[in-house]
């Protein structure tokens, strides 16, 4: 029986231990919650032997994201979805990526936002979660 791996973090706290920082640092030295464009690009050509992670990242913005962008996001990239829960200016970006570790998977998904600044120019990630069976 395979064990399901779930890694998550709430990022809106100021107290981050060294262990937390180490756990959520991607191979390029960035905190996963800040996103990483190289991790985003690496996930496009990832080895199929790597674990498939289901990633969710909740973030806030200063301005609303246009509804058209929310609807078109699935055509823009690889099985990513951008939805807006019932709270104004809070969004959920989710997707599936292959990566060696949760930090790399999360950094890659959030890297999508960095790569596509025309969708959202300023954001703050508040919570991240990565799961693989």
C-alpha atoms as a PDB file:
ATOM      1  CA  UNK A   1       0.000   0.000   0.000  1.00  0.00           C
ATOM      2  CA  UNK A   2       1.441   3.377  -1.048  1.00  0.00           C
ATOM      3  CA  UNK A   3       1.403   6.247   1.385  1.00  0.00           C
ATOM      4  CA  UNK A   4      -0.110   9.526   0.225  1.00  0.00           C
ATOM      5  CA  UNK A   5       2.234  12.486   0.798  1.00  0.00           C
ATOM      6  CA  UNK A   6       0.697  15.820   1.778  1.00  0.00           C
ATOM      7  CA  UNK A   7       2.813  18.893   2.437  1.00  0.00           C
ATOM      8  CA  UNK A   8       1.273  22.261   3.238  1.00  0.00           C
ATOM      9  CA  UNK A   9       2.107  25.608   4.796  1.00  0.00           C
ATOM     10  CA  UNK A  10       0.337  28.789   5.802  1.00  0.00           C
ATOM     11  CA  UNK A  11       2.580  31.639   4.718  1.00  0.00           C
ATOM     12  CA  UNK A  12       0.969  34.677   6.265  1.00  0.00           C
ATOM     13  CA  UNK A  13       2.779  34.199   9.551  1.00  0.00           C
ATOM     14  CA  UNK A  14       5.982  36.102  10.231  1.00  0.00           C
ATOM     15  CA  UNK A  15       7.558  33.291  12.220  1.00  0.00           C
ATOM     16  CA  UNK A  16       9.313  30.964   9.805  1.00  0.00           C
ATOM     17  CA  UNK A  17      11.765  28.511  11.240  1.00  0.00           C
ATOM     18  CA  UNK A  18      14.932  27.466   9.462  1.00  0.00           C
ATOM     19  CA  UNK A  19      13.344  24.030   8.964  1.00  0.00           C
ATOM     20  CA  UNK A  20      10.318  25.631   7.256  1.00  0.00           C
ATOM     21  CA  UNK A  21      12.566  27.694   4.984  1.00  0.00           C
ATOM     22  CA  UNK A  22      14.678  24.660   4.089  1.00  0.00           C
ATOM     23  CA  UNK A  23      11.612  22.496   3.421  1.00  0.00           C
ATOM     24  CA  UNK A  24      10.093  25.053   1.044  1.00  0.00           C
ATOM     25  CA  UNK A  25      13.219  26.186  -0.829  1.00  0.00           C
ATOM     26  CA  UNK A  26      13.296  25.079  -4.462  1.00  0.00           C
ATOM     27  CA  UNK A  27      16.455  23.834  -6.216  1.00  0.00           C
ATOM     28  CA  UNK A  28      17.030  27.382  -7.527  1.00  0.00           C
ATOM     29  CA  UNK A  29      17.180  28.836  -4.004  1.00  0.00           C
ATOM     30  CA  UNK A  30      13.773  30.538  -3.958  1.00  0.00           C
ATOM     31  CA  UNK A  31      11.018  30.000  -1.410  1.00  0.00           C
ATOM     32  CA  UNK A  32       8.266  28.051  -3.148  1.00  0.00           C
ATOM     33  CA  UNK A  33       5.659  30.599  -2.044  1.00  0.00           C
ATOM     34  CA  UNK A  34       7.428  33.259  -4.101  1.00  0.00           C
ATOM     35  CA  UNK A  35       7.363  31.120  -7.234  1.00  0.00           C
ATOM     36  CA  UNK A  36      10.226  30.221  -9.528  1.00  0.00           C
ATOM     37  CA  UNK A  37      10.214  30.653 -13.306  1.00  0.00           C
ATOM     38  CA  UNK A  38      13.022  28.081 -13.842  1.00  0.00           C
ATOM     39  CA  UNK A  39      10.955  25.509 -11.855  1.00  0.00           C
ATOM     40  CA  UNK A  40       7.939  26.418 -13.999  1.00  0.00           C
ATOM     41  CA  UNK A  41       9.923  25.786 -17.192  1.00  0.00           C
ATOM     42  CA  UNK A  42      11.484  22.594 -15.778  1.00  0.00           C
ATOM     43  CA  UNK A  43       8.036  21.162 -15.026  1.00  0.00           C
ATOM     44  CA  UNK A  44       7.140  21.364 -18.735  1.00  0.00           C
ATOM     45  CA  UNK A  45       9.847  18.836 -19.624  1.00  0.00           C
ATOM     46  CA  UNK A  46       9.962  16.876 -16.383  1.00  0.00           C
ATOM     47  CA  UNK A  47      10.904  13.219 -16.350  1.00  0.00           C
ATOM     48  CA  UNK A  48       7.788  11.034 -16.284  1.00  0.00           C
ATOM     49  CA  UNK A  49       9.429   8.958 -13.526  1.00  0.00           C
ATOM     50  CA  UNK A  50       9.157  11.915 -11.121  1.00  0.00           C
ATOM     51  CA  UNK A  51       6.154  12.033  -8.782  1.00  0.00           C
ATOM     52  CA  UNK A  52       3.046  13.800 -10.080  1.00  0.00           C
ATOM     53  CA  UNK A  53       2.119  16.504  -7.566  1.00  0.00           C
ATOM     54  CA  UNK A  54      -1.303  18.097  -7.233  1.00  0.00           C
ATOM     55  CA  UNK A  55      -0.566  21.670  -6.174  1.00  0.00           C
ATOM     56  CA  UNK A  56      -2.823  24.345  -4.740  1.00  0.00           C
ATOM     57  CA  UNK A  57      -1.741  27.903  -3.935  1.00  0.00           C
ATOM     58  CA  UNK A  58      -4.039  30.506  -2.413  1.00  0.00           C
ATOM     59  CA  UNK A  59      -3.052  34.112  -3.045  1.00  0.00           C
ATOM     60  CA  UNK A  60      -4.363  37.646  -2.741  1.00  0.00           C
ATOM     61  CA  UNK A  61      -4.134  40.533  -5.182  1.00  0.00           C
ATOM     62  CA  UNK A  62      -4.478  44.288  -4.971  1.00  0.00           C
ATOM     63  CA  UNK A  63      -6.841  44.397  -7.977  1.00  0.00           C
ATOM     64  CA  UNK A  64      -9.399  41.893  -9.251  1.00  0.00           C
ATOM     65  CA  UNK A  65      -8.308  39.488 -11.972  1.00  0.00           C
ATOM     66  CA  UNK A  66     -10.593  39.881 -15.009  1.00  0.00           C
ATOM     67  CA  UNK A  67     -13.196  37.135 -15.322  1.00  0.00           C
ATOM     68  CA  UNK A  68     -12.018  36.427 -18.875  1.00  0.00           C
ATOM     69  CA  UNK A  69      -8.528  35.600 -17.542  1.00  0.00           C
ATOM     70  CA  UNK A  70     -10.027  33.273 -14.936  1.00  0.00           C
ATOM     71  CA  UNK A  71     -11.970  31.450 -17.651  1.00  0.00           C
ATOM     72  CA  UNK A  72      -9.125  31.261 -20.170  1.00  0.00           C
ATOM     73  CA  UNK A  73      -6.357  30.089 -17.854  1.00  0.00           C
ATOM     74  CA  UNK A  74      -6.942  26.419 -18.675  1.00  0.00           C
ATOM     75  CA  UNK A  75      -6.150  27.086 -22.347  1.00  0.00           C
ATOM     76  CA  UNK A  76      -3.066  29.105 -21.451  1.00  0.00           C
ATOM     77  CA  UNK A  77      -1.099  26.318 -19.812  1.00  0.00           C
ATOM     78  CA  UNK A  78      -0.847  22.706 -18.724  1.00  0.00           C
ATOM     79  CA  UNK A  79      -3.968  21.745 -16.779  1.00  0.00           C
ATOM     80  CA  UNK A  80      -3.767  24.761 -14.500  1.00  0.00           C
ATOM     81  CA  UNK A  81      -6.910  26.300 -13.058  1.00  0.00           C
ATOM     82  CA  UNK A  82      -7.389  29.726 -11.546  1.00  0.00           C
ATOM     83  CA  UNK A  83     -10.533  30.168  -9.503  1.00  0.00           C
ATOM     84  CA  UNK A  84     -11.894  32.726  -7.119  1.00  0.00           C
ATOM     85  CA  UNK A  85     -13.362  31.476  -3.865  1.00  0.00           C
ATOM     86  CA  UNK A  86     -16.181  33.553  -2.411  1.00  0.00           C
ATOM     87  CA  UNK A  87     -13.779  36.060  -0.828  1.00  0.00           C
ATOM     88  CA  UNK A  88     -12.952  39.133  -2.955  1.00  0.00           C
ATOM     89  CA  UNK A  89      -9.339  39.420  -4.145  1.00  0.00           C
ATOM     90  CA  UNK A  90      -8.509  35.879  -2.965  1.00  0.00           C
ATOM     91  CA  UNK A  91      -7.704  33.339  -5.665  1.00  0.00           C
ATOM     92  CA  UNK A  92      -6.751  29.676  -5.931  1.00  0.00           C
ATOM     93  CA  UNK A  93      -4.236  28.508  -8.513  1.00  0.00           C
ATOM     94  CA  UNK A  94      -4.074  24.742  -8.918  1.00  0.00           C
ATOM     95  CA  UNK A  95      -2.351  22.356 -11.247  1.00  0.00           C
ATOM     96  CA  UNK A  96      -0.504  19.095 -11.662  1.00  0.00           C
ATOM     97  CA  UNK A  97       3.248  18.993 -12.219  1.00  0.00           C
ATOM     98  CA  UNK A  98       6.001  16.419 -12.067  1.00  0.00           C
ATOM     99  CA  UNK A  99       8.810  17.313  -9.697  1.00  0.00           C
ATOM    100  CA  UNK A 100      11.254  15.661  -7.328  1.00  0.00           C
ATOM    101  CA  UNK A 101       9.904  17.475  -4.244  1.00  0.00           C
ATOM    102  CA  UNK A 102       6.887  19.439  -3.075  1.00  0.00           C
ATOM    103  CA  UNK A 103       8.845  22.719  -2.942  1.00  0.00           C
ATOM    104  CA  UNK A 104       9.845  22.392  -6.583  1.00  0.00           C
ATOM    105  CA  UNK A 105       6.265  21.537  -7.617  1.00  0.00           C
ATOM    106  CA  UNK A 106       4.765  24.502  -5.743  1.00  0.00           C
ATOM    107  CA  UNK A 107       7.476  26.883  -6.967  1.00  0.00           C
ATOM    108  CA  UNK A 108       6.748  25.780 -10.540  1.00  0.00           C
ATOM    109  CA  UNK A 109       3.006  26.324 -10.295  1.00  0.00           C
ATOM    110  CA  UNK A 110       3.441  29.760  -8.715  1.00  0.00           C
ATOM    111  CA  UNK A 111       6.161  30.423 -11.291  1.00  0.00           C
ATOM    112  CA  UNK A 112       3.322  30.393 -13.817  1.00  0.00           C
ATOM    113  CA  UNK A 113       2.060  33.642 -12.254  1.00  0.00           C
ATOM    114  CA  UNK A 114       5.530  35.187 -12.481  1.00  0.00           C
ATOM    115  CA  UNK A 115       5.867  34.118 -16.111  1.00  0.00           C
ATOM    116  CA  UNK A 116       2.439  35.548 -16.969  1.00  0.00           C
ATOM    117  CA  UNK A 117       2.420  38.947 -15.300  1.00  0.00           C
ATOM    118  CA  UNK A 118      -0.307  40.081 -17.712  1.00  0.00           C
ATOM    119  CA  UNK A 119      -2.746  37.901 -15.734  1.00  0.00           C
ATOM    120  CA  UNK A 120      -1.822  39.204 -12.297  1.00  0.00           C
ATOM    121  CA  UNK A 121       0.888  41.780 -11.763  1.00  0.00           C
ATOM    122  CA  UNK A 122       1.095  41.776  -7.969  1.00  0.00           C
ATOM    123  CA  UNK A 123       0.180  38.930  -5.617  1.00  0.00           C
ATOM    124  CA  UNK A 124       0.914  37.520  -2.175  1.00  0.00           C
ATOM    125  CA  UNK A 125       0.721  33.758  -1.625  1.00  0.00           C
ATOM    126  CA  UNK A 126      -0.947  32.950   1.687  1.00  0.00           C
ATOM    127  CA  UNK A 127      -1.126  29.156   1.673  1.00  0.00           C
ATOM    128  CA  UNK A 128       0.412  26.320  -0.327  1.00  0.00           C
ATOM    129  CA  UNK A 129      -0.303  22.611  -0.555  1.00  0.00           C
ATOM    130  CA  UNK A 130       1.258  19.782  -2.553  1.00  0.00           C
ATOM    131  CA  UNK A 131      -0.061  16.215  -2.624  1.00  0.00           C
ATOM    132  CA  UNK A 132       1.068  13.078  -4.415  1.00  0.00           C
ATOM    133  CA  UNK A 133      -0.218   9.553  -4.012  1.00  0.00           C
END
